[in-house]
Amino acid sequence: MSLFNLIPFLTHKLEKETIELMHEHVQKACTAVNTLTELLALWEGGNTKEAKSKREEIIKLEVEGDELRRKIEENLYSGAFLPISRSRILNFSECIDNIYDTCEDAAKLTGHLVPIHVNFEIREATKELLKGTCNSVLLLQKAVEQLDDVKEIKNTIQKIREVEHEVDEISDGIYTLIYQSNLSPKEMLLLLKLVEYISSISNHAENASDVISLLIALHQP
């Protein structure tokens, strides 16, 4: 059964357009996370020129994400969906927007941290953290693409929760490695913040999936 067969519509045109915007919003968020991964690889390799270009791409994506969020909000305030659904979809859009914002924050931070001072063990653990983070956002995109199948959405949401838990464990391990390292206080603070940003992306993805789960619970008989 489709999730949007459960949700009562007032006008079909606005709802259809809003759903399409939600798809685009999540897809572009995935692009932002992937671009952040590319940026961190360049940052690690000391390629400052290309890293700067990737930072600019992420900043641009964040602006585009804001524009999509505003369009979704405008449609909702114009009457798309009933109020009980409308508020949840607004929450969903805000969770996705948090992914963009966090990618931008992490991207800007790399301009202040010299990668050569980060040891191999921390770098490898950070790669695992990024892998999990990307997976959580890709699963969220999959959940949105599964709006026509409530059963499959529930399975995907459960996977997002599992990945988020794994990301938390990886980030805890990285914090320990950082505290045990010979980094200067400034470098340690910046790196801890970078890890916090990366790991929080999966939290935002989980929060967005929780909104979808709530929508199902609200409307499923």
Protein backbone atom coordinates (compact mmCIF):
# COMPACT_ATOMS: atom_id res chain seq x y z
CA MET A 1 0.00 0.00 0.00
CA SER A 2 1.22 3.52 -0.82
CA LEU A 3 1.85 5.95 2.03
CA PHE A 4 0.14 8.70 0.09
CA ASN A 5 -2.91 6.52 -0.45
CA LEU A 6 -3.29 6.63 3.32
CA ILE A 7 -2.95 10.41 3.56
CA PRO A 8 -6.08 12.39 2.59
CA PHE A 9 -5.54 14.94 -0.18
CA LEU A 10 -7.24 18.30 -0.57
CA THR A 11 -5.86 19.12 -4.02
CA HIS A 12 -3.91 16.55 -6.03
CA LYS A 13 -1.78 18.99 -8.05
CA LEU A 14 -0.10 20.58 -5.04
CA GLU A 15 0.45 17.22 -3.35
CA LYS A 16 2.05 15.73 -6.45
CA GLU A 17 4.34 18.72 -6.86
CA THR A 18 5.29 18.62 -3.18
CA ILE A 19 6.17 14.92 -3.34
CA GLU A 20 8.39 15.60 -6.36
CA LEU A 21 10.10 18.41 -4.45
CA MET A 22 10.66 16.07 -1.50
CA HIS A 23 12.34 13.58 -3.83
CA GLU A 24 14.58 16.28 -5.25
CA HIS A 25 15.37 17.65 -1.80
CA VAL A 26 16.62 14.26 -0.58
CA GLN A 27 18.48 13.46 -3.80
CA LYS A 28 20.38 16.72 -3.65
CA ALA A 29 21.18 16.07 0.03
CA CYS A 30 22.78 12.78 -1.08
CA THR A 31 24.85 14.76 -3.58
CA ALA A 32 25.97 17.09 -0.79
CA VAL A 33 27.10 14.17 1.39
CA ASN A 34 28.93 12.53 -1.53
CA THR A 35 30.62 15.83 -2.35
CA LEU A 36 31.71 16.13 1.28
CA THR A 37 33.29 12.67 0.99
CA GLU A 38 35.18 13.81 -2.13
CA LEU A 39 36.25 16.99 -0.35
CA LEU A 40 37.64 15.09 2.63
CA ALA A 41 39.63 12.81 0.30
CA LEU A 42 41.14 15.89 -1.37
CA TRP A 43 41.74 17.50 2.02
CA GLU A 44 43.52 14.37 3.23
CA GLY A 45 45.69 14.38 0.11
CA GLY A 46 46.63 18.01 0.64
CA ASN A 47 45.01 19.13 -2.63
CA THR A 48 43.92 22.53 -1.35
CA LYS A 49 42.91 24.00 -4.72
CA GLU A 50 40.47 21.22 -5.61
CA ALA A 51 39.32 20.99 -2.01
CA LYS A 52 38.36 24.66 -2.15
CA SER A 53 36.33 23.98 -5.30
CA LYS A 54 34.48 21.13 -3.54
CA ARG A 55 33.74 23.40 -0.59
CA GLU A 56 32.18 25.89 -2.98
CA GLU A 57 30.08 23.10 -4.53
CA ILE A 58 28.73 22.16 -1.10
CA ILE A 59 27.93 25.77 -0.27
CA LYS A 60 26.05 26.04 -3.56
CA LEU A 61 24.15 22.82 -2.84
CA GLU A 62 23.16 24.18 0.58
CA VAL A 63 21.68 27.27 -1.09
CA GLU A 64 19.80 25.06 -3.57
CA GLY A 65 18.56 22.92 -0.69
CA ASP A 66 17.20 26.03 1.04
CA GLU A 67 15.34 26.97 -2.13
CA LEU A 68 13.74 23.52 -2.34
CA ARG A 69 12.75 23.66 1.34
CA ARG A 70 11.08 27.03 0.78
CA LYS A 71 9.15 25.67 -2.21
CA ILE A 72 7.94 22.73 -0.13
CA GLU A 73 6.88 25.10 2.64
CA GLU A 74 5.10 27.40 0.19
CA ASN A 75 3.11 24.47 -1.20
CA LEU A 76 2.19 23.28 2.27
CA TYR A 77 1.09 26.74 3.37
CA SER A 78 -0.88 27.01 0.12
CA GLY A 79 -2.97 24.00 1.09
CA ALA A 80 -1.08 20.86 0.12
CA PHE A 81 -2.16 18.01 2.43
CA LEU A 82 -4.31 18.27 5.56
CA PRO A 83 -2.81 20.01 8.64
CA ILE A 84 -2.02 16.77 10.48
CA SER A 85 0.17 15.63 7.57
CA ARG A 86 1.41 19.11 6.69
CA SER A 87 3.23 19.65 9.99
CA ARG A 88 5.02 16.29 9.67
CA ILE A 89 6.16 17.02 6.12
CA LEU A 90 7.48 20.37 7.33
CA ASN A 91 9.46 18.48 9.99
CA PHE A 92 10.78 16.12 7.33
CA SER A 93 11.94 19.03 5.19
CA GLU A 94 13.69 20.61 8.18
CA CYS A 95 15.53 17.35 8.92
CA ILE A 96 16.78 17.21 5.33
CA ASP A 97 17.81 20.85 5.53
CA ASN A 98 19.90 19.96 8.59
CA ILE A 99 21.88 17.52 6.41
CA TYR A 100 22.76 20.33 4.00
CA ASP A 101 23.71 22.68 6.84
CA THR A 102 25.93 20.09 8.51
CA CYS A 103 27.69 19.26 5.23
CA GLU A 104 28.41 22.96 4.78
CA ASP A 105 29.71 23.31 8.35
CA ALA A 106 32.01 20.30 7.92
CA ALA A 107 33.22 21.57 4.55
CA LYS A 108 34.13 24.99 5.93
CA LEU A 109 35.94 23.41 8.87
CA THR A 110 38.37 21.54 6.59
CA GLY A 111 39.82 24.88 5.56
CA HIS A 112 41.20 25.31 9.09
CA LEU A 113 42.66 21.85 9.74
CA VAL A 114 45.99 20.65 8.31
CA PRO A 115 45.48 16.99 7.25
CA ILE A 116 49.14 15.99 7.54
CA HIS A 117 48.85 16.15 11.34
CA VAL A 118 46.08 13.52 11.43
CA ASN A 119 47.50 10.02 11.92
CA PHE A 120 46.67 7.00 9.75
CA GLU A 121 44.44 5.28 12.30
CA ILE A 122 42.23 8.35 12.69
CA ARG A 123 42.04 8.81 8.92
CA GLU A 124 40.95 5.23 8.33
CA ALA A 125 38.34 5.38 11.08
CA THR A 126 37.04 8.64 9.64
CA LYS A 127 36.66 6.95 6.24
CA GLU A 128 34.53 4.26 7.90
CA LEU A 129 32.49 7.00 9.56
CA LEU A 130 31.92 8.67 6.20
CA LYS A 131 30.94 5.36 4.64
CA GLY A 132 28.27 4.80 7.29
CA THR A 133 27.04 8.37 7.01
CA CYS A 134 26.68 8.12 3.24
CA ASN A 135 24.85 4.82 3.64
CA SER A 136 22.31 6.34 6.04
CA VAL A 137 21.46 9.15 3.61
CA LEU A 138 21.27 6.76 0.65
CA LEU A 139 18.86 4.60 2.65
CA LEU A 140 16.77 7.69 3.38
CA GLN A 141 16.63 8.43 -0.33
CA LYS A 142 15.53 4.83 -0.87
CA ALA A 143 12.78 5.25 1.73
CA VAL A 144 11.41 8.29 -0.08
CA GLU A 145 11.51 6.37 -3.36
CA GLN A 146 9.47 3.61 -1.64
CA LEU A 147 6.51 5.81 -0.79
CA ASP A 148 4.38 3.44 -2.87
CA ASP A 149 5.15 0.53 -0.54
CA VAL A 150 4.63 1.05 3.19
CA LYS A 151 6.05 -2.38 4.09
CA GLU A 152 9.32 -1.69 2.29
CA ILE A 153 9.55 1.79 3.82
CA LYS A 154 9.37 0.25 7.31
CA ASN A 155 12.19 -2.17 6.47
CA THR A 156 14.36 0.65 5.15
CA ILE A 157 13.66 2.83 8.19
CA GLN A 158 14.85 -0.01 10.43
CA LYS A 159 18.08 -0.23 8.42
CA ILE A 160 18.61 3.52 8.83
CA ARG A 161 18.32 3.13 12.60
CA GLU A 162 20.84 0.28 12.57
CA VAL A 163 23.31 2.27 10.49
CA GLU A 164 22.92 5.31 12.74
CA HIS A 165 23.79 3.13 15.75
CA GLU A 166 26.89 1.84 13.94
CA VAL A 167 27.93 5.41 13.08
CA ASP A 168 27.62 6.39 16.74
CA GLU A 169 29.92 3.52 17.74
CA ILE A 170 32.49 4.48 15.09
CA SER A 171 32.46 8.12 16.14
CA ASP A 172 32.94 7.14 19.80
CA GLY A 173 36.01 5.15 18.76
CA ILE A 174 37.40 8.11 16.82
CA TYR A 175 36.94 10.40 19.82
CA THR A 176 39.08 7.99 21.85
CA LEU A 177 41.77 7.97 19.15
CA ILE A 178 41.81 11.76 19.02
CA TYR A 179 42.12 12.09 22.81
CA GLN A 180 45.02 9.63 22.77
CA SER A 181 46.81 11.40 19.90
CA ASN A 182 49.61 13.96 19.96
CA LEU A 183 47.51 16.63 18.27
CA SER A 184 47.74 20.17 19.53
CA PRO A 185 44.70 21.45 21.51
CA LYS A 186 43.57 23.51 18.50
CA GLU A 187 43.90 20.59 16.10
CA MET A 188 42.16 18.27 18.52
CA LEU A 189 39.24 20.68 18.95
CA LEU A 190 38.81 21.15 15.19
CA LEU A 191 39.04 17.43 14.45
CA LEU A 192 36.55 16.58 17.21
CA LYS A 193 34.17 19.10 15.69
CA LEU A 194 34.63 17.62 12.22
CA VAL A 195 33.82 14.13 13.50
CA GLU A 196 30.79 15.52 15.31
CA TYR A 197 29.52 17.11 12.10
CA ILE A 198 30.01 13.96 10.04
CA SER A 199 28.35 11.67 12.57
CA SER A 200 25.40 14.04 13.09
CA ILE A 201 24.44 13.69 9.41
CA SER A 202 23.24 10.14 10.10
CA ASN A 203 21.28 11.49 13.09
CA HIS A 204 19.47 13.90 10.78
CA ALA A 205 18.78 11.06 8.34
CA GLU A 206 17.34 8.97 11.17
CA ASN A 207 15.23 11.91 12.36
CA ALA A 208 13.83 12.31 8.83
CA SER A 209 13.03 8.59 8.68
CA ASP A 210 11.28 8.87 12.06
CA VAL A 211 9.00 11.52 10.55
CA ILE A 212 8.07 9.12 7.75
CA SER A 213 7.42 6.42 10.34
CA LEU A 214 5.15 8.79 12.25
CA LEU A 215 3.25 9.66 9.09
CA ILE A 216 2.59 5.97 8.54
CA ALA A 217 1.46 5.51 12.14
CA LEU A 218 -0.87 8.51 11.97
CA HIS A 219 -2.66 7.38 8.84
CA GLN A 220 -2.47 3.60 8.76
CA PRO A 221 -5.74 1.98 9.87
